[in-house]
C-alpha atoms as a PDB file:
ATOM      1  CA  GLN A   1      45.843 128.527 158.854  1.00  0.00           C
ATOM      2  CA  VAL A   2      45.989 124.844 159.646  1.00  0.00           C
ATOM      3  CA  GLN A   3      48.290 122.742 157.491  1.00  0.00           C
ATOM      4  CA  LEU A   4      49.014 119.042 157.633  1.00  0.00           C
ATOM      5  CA  VAL A   5      51.680 117.996 155.147  1.00  0.00           C
ATOM      6  CA  GLU A   6      52.350 114.318 154.574  1.00  0.00           C
ATOM      7  CA  SER A   7      55.506 112.844 153.113  1.00  0.00           C
ATOM      8  CA  GLY A   8      57.112 109.459 152.617  1.00  0.00           C
ATOM      9  CA  GLY A   9      54.704 107.715 150.289  1.00  0.00           C
ATOM     10  CA  ASP A  10      56.323 105.558 147.630  1.00  0.00           C
ATOM     11  CA  LEU A  11      56.218 102.374 145.588  1.00  0.00           C
ATOM     12  CA  VAL A  12      57.572  99.450 147.599  1.00  0.00           C
ATOM     13  CA  GLN A  13      57.719  95.704 147.156  1.00  0.00           C
ATOM     14  CA  PHE A  14      55.767  93.144 149.176  1.00  0.00           C
ATOM     15  CA  GLY A  15      57.387  92.750 152.588  1.00  0.00           C
ATOM     16  CA  GLY A  16      59.101  96.112 152.439  1.00  0.00           C
ATOM     17  CA  SER A  17      58.949  99.081 154.788  1.00  0.00           C
ATOM     18  CA  LEU A  18      58.060 102.745 154.586  1.00  0.00           C
ATOM     19  CA  ARG A  19      57.920 105.588 157.055  1.00  0.00           C
ATOM     20  CA  LEU A  20      55.287 108.267 156.601  1.00  0.00           C
ATOM     21  CA  SER A  21      55.585 111.652 158.274  1.00  0.00           C
ATOM     22  CA  CYS A  22      53.132 114.470 158.801  1.00  0.00           C
ATOM     23  CA  ALA A  23      54.152 117.994 159.759  1.00  0.00           C
ATOM     24  CA  ALA A  24      51.459 120.082 161.414  1.00  0.00           C
ATOM     25  CA  SER A  25      51.232 123.848 161.653  1.00  0.00           C
ATOM     26  CA  GLY A  26      48.571 126.306 162.726  1.00  0.00           C
ATOM     27  CA  ILE A  27      47.332 124.190 165.632  1.00  0.00           C
ATOM     28  CA  ILE A  28      48.261 123.679 169.275  1.00  0.00           C
ATOM     29  CA  PHE A  29      49.602 120.242 168.518  1.00  0.00           C
ATOM     30  CA  ARG A  30      49.453 118.775 172.022  1.00  0.00           C
ATOM     31  CA  ARG A  31      45.687 119.359 172.146  1.00  0.00           C
ATOM     32  CA  TYR A  32      45.050 117.095 169.193  1.00  0.00           C
ATOM     33  CA  VAL A  33      44.689 113.390 168.716  1.00  0.00           C
ATOM     34  CA  MET A  34      46.743 112.625 165.628  1.00  0.00           C
ATOM     35  CA  GLY A  35      45.852 109.866 163.247  1.00  0.00           C
ATOM     36  CA  TRP A  36      46.588 108.193 159.973  1.00  0.00           C
ATOM     37  CA  TYR A  37      43.774 107.110 157.690  1.00  0.00           C
ATOM     38  CA  ARG A  38      43.898 105.434 154.315  1.00  0.00           C
ATOM     39  CA  GLN A  39      41.659 105.114 151.308  1.00  0.00           C
ATOM     40  CA  PRO A  40      42.294 102.130 149.039  1.00  0.00           C
ATOM     41  CA  PRO A  41      41.184 102.394 145.403  1.00  0.00           C
ATOM     42  CA  GLY A  42      37.406 102.213 145.164  1.00  0.00           C
ATOM     43  CA  LYS A  43      36.926 101.944 148.908  1.00  0.00           C
ATOM     44  CA  GLU A  44      36.043 104.224 151.789  1.00  0.00           C
ATOM     45  CA  ARG A  45      38.546 105.973 153.990  1.00  0.00           C
ATOM     46  CA  GLU A  46      39.448 103.980 157.103  1.00  0.00           C
ATOM     47  CA  LEU A  47      41.369 104.562 160.298  1.00  0.00           C
ATOM     48  CA  VAL A  48      44.838 103.028 160.331  1.00  0.00           C
ATOM     49  CA  ALA A  49      46.188 104.289 163.642  1.00  0.00           C
ATOM     50  CA  SER A  50      45.807 107.135 166.100  1.00  0.00           C
ATOM     51  CA  ILE A  51      47.791 108.518 169.014  1.00  0.00           C
ATOM     52  CA  SER A  52      46.736 110.820 171.818  1.00  0.00           C
ATOM     53  CA  ASN A  53      48.833 113.472 173.522  1.00  0.00           C
ATOM     54  CA  GLY A  54      49.467 110.954 176.264  1.00  0.00           C
ATOM     55  CA  ASP A  55      50.797 108.491 173.679  1.00  0.00           C
ATOM     56  CA  SER A  56      47.802 106.192 173.940  1.00  0.00           C
ATOM     57  CA  THR A  57      47.579 104.383 170.602  1.00  0.00           C
ATOM     58  CA  ASN A  58      44.886 102.652 168.614  1.00  0.00           C
ATOM     59  CA  TYR A  59      45.383 100.463 165.545  1.00  0.00           C
ATOM     60  CA  ALA A  60      43.211  98.849 162.943  1.00  0.00           C
ATOM     61  CA  ASP A  61      43.292  95.068 163.320  1.00  0.00           C
ATOM     62  CA  SER A  62      44.737  94.726 159.830  1.00  0.00           C
ATOM     63  CA  VAL A  63      47.920  96.607 160.760  1.00  0.00           C
ATOM     64  CA  LYS A  64      48.527  95.531 164.358  1.00  0.00           C
ATOM     65  CA  GLY A  65      52.040  94.229 164.811  1.00  0.00           C
ATOM     66  CA  ARG A  66      53.196  95.720 161.518  1.00  0.00           C
ATOM     67  CA  PHE A  67      52.625  99.471 161.832  1.00  0.00           C
ATOM     68  CA  THR A  68      53.727 101.827 164.599  1.00  0.00           C
ATOM     69  CA  ILE A  69      52.464 105.366 165.102  1.00  0.00           C
ATOM     70  CA  SER A  70      54.478 107.944 167.029  1.00  0.00           C
ATOM     71  CA  ARG A  71      54.388 111.670 167.653  1.00  0.00           C
ATOM     72  CA  ASP A  72      56.888 114.383 168.498  1.00  0.00           C
ATOM     73  CA  ASN A  73      55.179 117.237 170.320  1.00  0.00           C
ATOM     74  CA  ALA A  74      58.324 119.371 170.161  1.00  0.00           C
ATOM     75  CA  GLU A  75      58.471 119.126 166.355  1.00  0.00           C
ATOM     76  CA  ASN A  76      54.691 118.976 165.742  1.00  0.00           C
ATOM     77  CA  THR A  77      55.047 115.806 163.738  1.00  0.00           C
ATOM     78  CA  VAL A  78      53.395 112.405 163.648  1.00  0.00           C
ATOM     79  CA  SER A  79      54.903 109.399 161.925  1.00  0.00           C
ATOM     80  CA  LEU A  80      53.762 105.997 160.803  1.00  0.00           C
ATOM     81  CA  GLN A  81      56.353 103.249 160.500  1.00  0.00           C
ATOM     82  CA  MET A  82      55.022 100.554 158.209  1.00  0.00           C
ATOM     83  CA  ASN A  83      56.734  97.174 158.071  1.00  0.00           C
ATOM     84  CA  SER A  84      55.912  93.905 156.330  1.00  0.00           C
ATOM     85  CA  LEU A  85      53.853  95.762 153.754  1.00  0.00           C
ATOM     86  CA  LYS A  86      51.276  93.885 151.729  1.00  0.00           C
ATOM     87  CA  PRO A  87      49.536  94.735 148.442  1.00  0.00           C
ATOM     88  CA  GLU A  88      46.334  95.342 150.407  1.00  0.00           C
ATOM     89  CA  ASP A  89      48.091  98.231 152.161  1.00  0.00           C
ATOM     90  CA  THR A  90      48.054 100.094 148.865  1.00  0.00           C
ATOM     91  CA  ALA A  91      46.128 103.324 149.405  1.00  0.00           C
ATOM     92  CA  VAL A  92      46.324 107.056 149.744  1.00  0.00           C
ATOM     93  CA  TYR A  93      47.337 107.740 153.341  1.00  0.00           C
ATOM     94  CA  TYR A  94      45.977 110.838 155.055  1.00  0.00           C
ATOM     95  CA  CYS A  95      47.135 112.613 158.170  1.00  0.00           C
ATOM     96  CA  ASN A  96      44.368 113.714 160.534  1.00  0.00           C
ATOM     97  CA  ALA A  97      44.304 116.073 163.510  1.00  0.00           C
ATOM     98  CA  ARG A  98      41.259 115.869 165.772  1.00  0.00           C
ATOM     99  CA  HIS A  99      40.940 118.205 168.750  1.00  0.00           C
ATOM    100  CA  GLN A 100      40.532 116.225 171.947  1.00  0.00           C
ATOM    101  CA  PHE A 101      37.508 118.294 173.057  1.00  0.00           C
ATOM    102  CA  LEU A 102      36.168 120.195 170.034  1.00  0.00           C
ATOM    103  CA  SER A 103      34.652 117.824 167.482  1.00  0.00           C
ATOM    104  CA  SER A 104      34.435 120.617 164.923  1.00  0.00           C
ATOM    105  CA  ALA A 105      38.210 121.041 164.951  1.00  0.00           C
ATOM    106  CA  ASN A 106      39.067 118.189 162.626  1.00  0.00           C
ATOM    107  CA  HIS A 107      41.740 118.680 159.961  1.00  0.00           C
ATOM    108  CA  TRP A 108      43.091 116.628 157.065  1.00  0.00           C
ATOM    109  CA  GLY A 109      46.190 116.585 154.962  1.00  0.00           C
ATOM    110  CA  ARG A 110      46.146 116.103 151.203  1.00  0.00           C
ATOM    111  CA  GLY A 111      47.401 112.549 151.344  1.00  0.00           C
ATOM    112  CA  THR A 112      50.390 110.576 150.156  1.00  0.00           C
ATOM    113  CA  GLN A 113      50.272 107.534 147.891  1.00  0.00           C
ATOM    114  CA  VAL A 114      51.584 104.189 149.104  1.00  0.00           C
ATOM    115  CA  THR A 115      51.731 101.400 146.557  1.00  0.00           C
ATOM    116  CA  VAL A 116      52.842  97.885 147.452  1.00  0.00           C
ATOM    117  CA  SER A 117      53.670  95.606 144.558  1.00  0.00           C
ATOM    118  CA  SER A 118      53.296  91.853 144.794  1.00  0.00           C
END
């Protein structure tokens, strides 16, 4: 059974930092592109950042220079370091695992709430 468990969400002040982590189980981790998505209140879910097995990264324009995604293939974890947080970063953040070849193998965590106060 595939499980993606996020942690690290919290209430933080404008300009603060948070580190989100996602622990994966039930998948061959190195075969998956790992990503973080977010869903702000009343809006659609959007890609924040993704990282391939070869550590190739992709970021939304809104977070470039502030957020850093990383993965640990030995621990089956993916992290998102978020710095210089803004109120518009407030959202539920979801961990995603997408198989590099099988489009049907796409898994989601339950999400973790990040709230940035102004």
